[in-house]
Amino acid sequence: MEIIDRLSAGDPEKKKYYIRLFLDTLEPELENLRGAHIGAPQEPIRAILHKLKSQVQTIGAADAHAMMSAHEQTIKGGGTISQSELDITCDLLSTLIQNLQDLLK
């Protein structure tokens, strides 16, 4: 959240604006990730992870960033991620999104 705090310069309305911008990206990409099928080609999953990884890094979610980075590297290396790994990642993102939504209240 440090970056959002710096961008908003202490203005609560600007902070909400930037949080909404992140949510506008995170929410649909999370749904895309949830809809991904592990048995399908992994490249679309890697592309979603790459996009989300950048977003979560920007808002300071180091644990989510590290997890997505590891998954992305696995896929780049020709491996696959398991359904349980994908589910854990989705749950972590859901929690992050909920925390951001709570800041808008």
Protein backbone atom coordinates (compact mmCIF):
# COMPACT_ATOMS: atom_id res chain seq x y z
CA MET A 1 0.00 0.00 0.00
CA GLU A 2 3.02 2.25 0.26
CA ILE A 3 2.86 3.10 -3.43
CA ILE A 4 -0.85 3.95 -3.22
CA ASP A 5 -0.13 6.12 -0.20
CA ARG A 6 2.62 7.95 -2.08
CA LEU A 7 0.48 8.40 -5.20
CA SER A 8 -2.42 9.77 -3.22
CA ALA A 9 -0.24 12.13 -1.16
CA GLY A 10 -2.53 11.74 1.85
CA ASP A 11 -5.72 12.60 -0.07
CA PRO A 12 -8.36 9.99 0.91
CA GLU A 13 -10.30 10.43 -2.34
CA LYS A 14 -7.18 9.93 -4.45
CA LYS A 15 -6.35 6.83 -2.41
CA LYS A 16 -9.79 5.40 -3.17
CA TYR A 17 -9.32 6.28 -6.84
CA TYR A 18 -6.03 4.33 -7.04
CA ILE A 19 -7.47 1.38 -5.12
CA ARG A 20 -10.36 1.24 -7.61
CA LEU A 21 -7.86 1.26 -10.48
CA PHE A 22 -6.09 -1.75 -9.02
CA LEU A 23 -9.38 -3.52 -8.37
CA ASP A 24 -10.48 -2.87 -11.96
CA THR A 25 -7.50 -4.95 -13.08
CA LEU A 26 -7.28 -7.51 -10.29
CA GLU A 27 -10.91 -8.63 -10.17
CA PRO A 28 -11.37 -9.63 -13.84
CA GLU A 29 -7.93 -11.24 -14.03
CA LEU A 30 -8.68 -13.27 -10.91
CA GLU A 31 -11.84 -14.53 -12.63
CA ASN A 32 -9.77 -15.41 -15.70
CA LEU A 33 -7.34 -17.30 -13.48
CA ARG A 34 -10.18 -19.12 -11.71
CA GLY A 35 -11.55 -20.14 -15.11
CA ALA A 36 -8.21 -21.56 -16.24
CA HIS A 37 -8.05 -25.30 -16.55
CA ILE A 38 -4.84 -26.93 -15.41
CA GLY A 39 -5.08 -29.61 -18.10
CA ALA A 40 -5.17 -26.91 -20.78
CA PRO A 41 -2.08 -25.21 -22.23
CA GLN A 42 -0.21 -23.36 -19.52
CA GLU A 43 0.75 -20.26 -21.53
CA PRO A 44 -2.58 -18.45 -20.94
CA ILE A 45 -2.19 -19.12 -17.20
CA ARG A 46 1.38 -17.79 -17.34
CA ALA A 47 0.19 -14.61 -19.09
CA ILE A 48 -2.48 -13.99 -16.43
CA LEU A 49 0.03 -14.63 -13.64
CA HIS A 50 2.48 -12.22 -15.24
CA LYS A 51 -0.09 -9.44 -15.39
CA LEU A 52 -1.32 -10.05 -11.85
CA LYS A 53 2.22 -10.36 -10.53
CA SER A 54 3.01 -6.84 -11.65
CA GLN A 55 -0.15 -5.48 -10.05
CA VAL A 56 0.37 -7.14 -6.68
CA GLN A 57 3.99 -6.04 -6.60
CA THR A 58 2.88 -2.45 -7.14
CA ILE A 59 0.55 -2.58 -4.15
CA GLY A 60 3.17 -4.26 -1.98
CA ALA A 61 1.77 -7.78 -1.66
CA ALA A 62 5.16 -9.51 -1.52
CA ASP A 63 3.81 -12.98 -0.67
CA ALA A 64 1.41 -13.01 -3.63
CA HIS A 65 4.12 -11.65 -5.91
CA ALA A 66 6.58 -14.36 -4.88
CA MET A 67 4.02 -17.13 -5.37
CA MET A 68 2.98 -15.91 -8.81
CA SER A 69 6.60 -15.39 -9.84
CA ALA A 70 7.41 -18.99 -8.88
CA HIS A 71 4.41 -20.29 -10.83
CA GLU A 72 5.36 -18.20 -13.84
CA GLN A 73 8.92 -19.54 -13.78
CA THR A 74 7.64 -23.11 -13.53
CA ILE A 75 5.52 -22.63 -16.63
CA LYS A 76 8.31 -20.81 -18.50
CA GLY A 77 10.55 -23.78 -17.74
CA GLY A 78 8.07 -26.14 -19.37
CA GLY A 79 6.45 -27.33 -16.17
CA THR A 80 2.89 -27.12 -15.01
CA ILE A 81 1.31 -25.91 -11.81
CA SER A 82 -1.17 -28.07 -9.97
CA GLN A 83 -4.81 -27.27 -9.37
CA SER A 84 -4.12 -26.93 -5.66
CA GLU A 85 -1.33 -24.41 -6.35
CA LEU A 86 -3.68 -22.45 -8.59
CA ASP A 87 -6.42 -22.58 -5.94
CA ILE A 88 -4.05 -21.28 -3.24
CA THR A 89 -3.00 -18.43 -5.52
CA CYS A 90 -6.63 -17.56 -6.25
CA ASP A 91 -7.48 -17.61 -2.54
CA LEU A 92 -4.56 -15.31 -1.77
CA LEU A 93 -5.69 -12.91 -4.49
CA SER A 94 -9.27 -13.04 -3.22
CA THR A 95 -8.08 -12.03 0.24
CA LEU A 96 -6.01 -9.20 -1.23
CA ILE A 97 -9.00 -7.96 -3.22
CA GLN A 98 -11.23 -8.12 -0.14
CA ASN A 99 -8.68 -6.12 1.84
CA LEU A 100 -8.60 -3.46 -0.88
CA GLN A 101 -12.40 -3.38 -1.02
CA ASP A 102 -12.51 -2.92 2.75
CA LEU A 103 -10.33 0.18 2.37
CA LEU A 104 -13.00 1.73 0.17
CA LYS A 105 -15.61 1.61 2.96
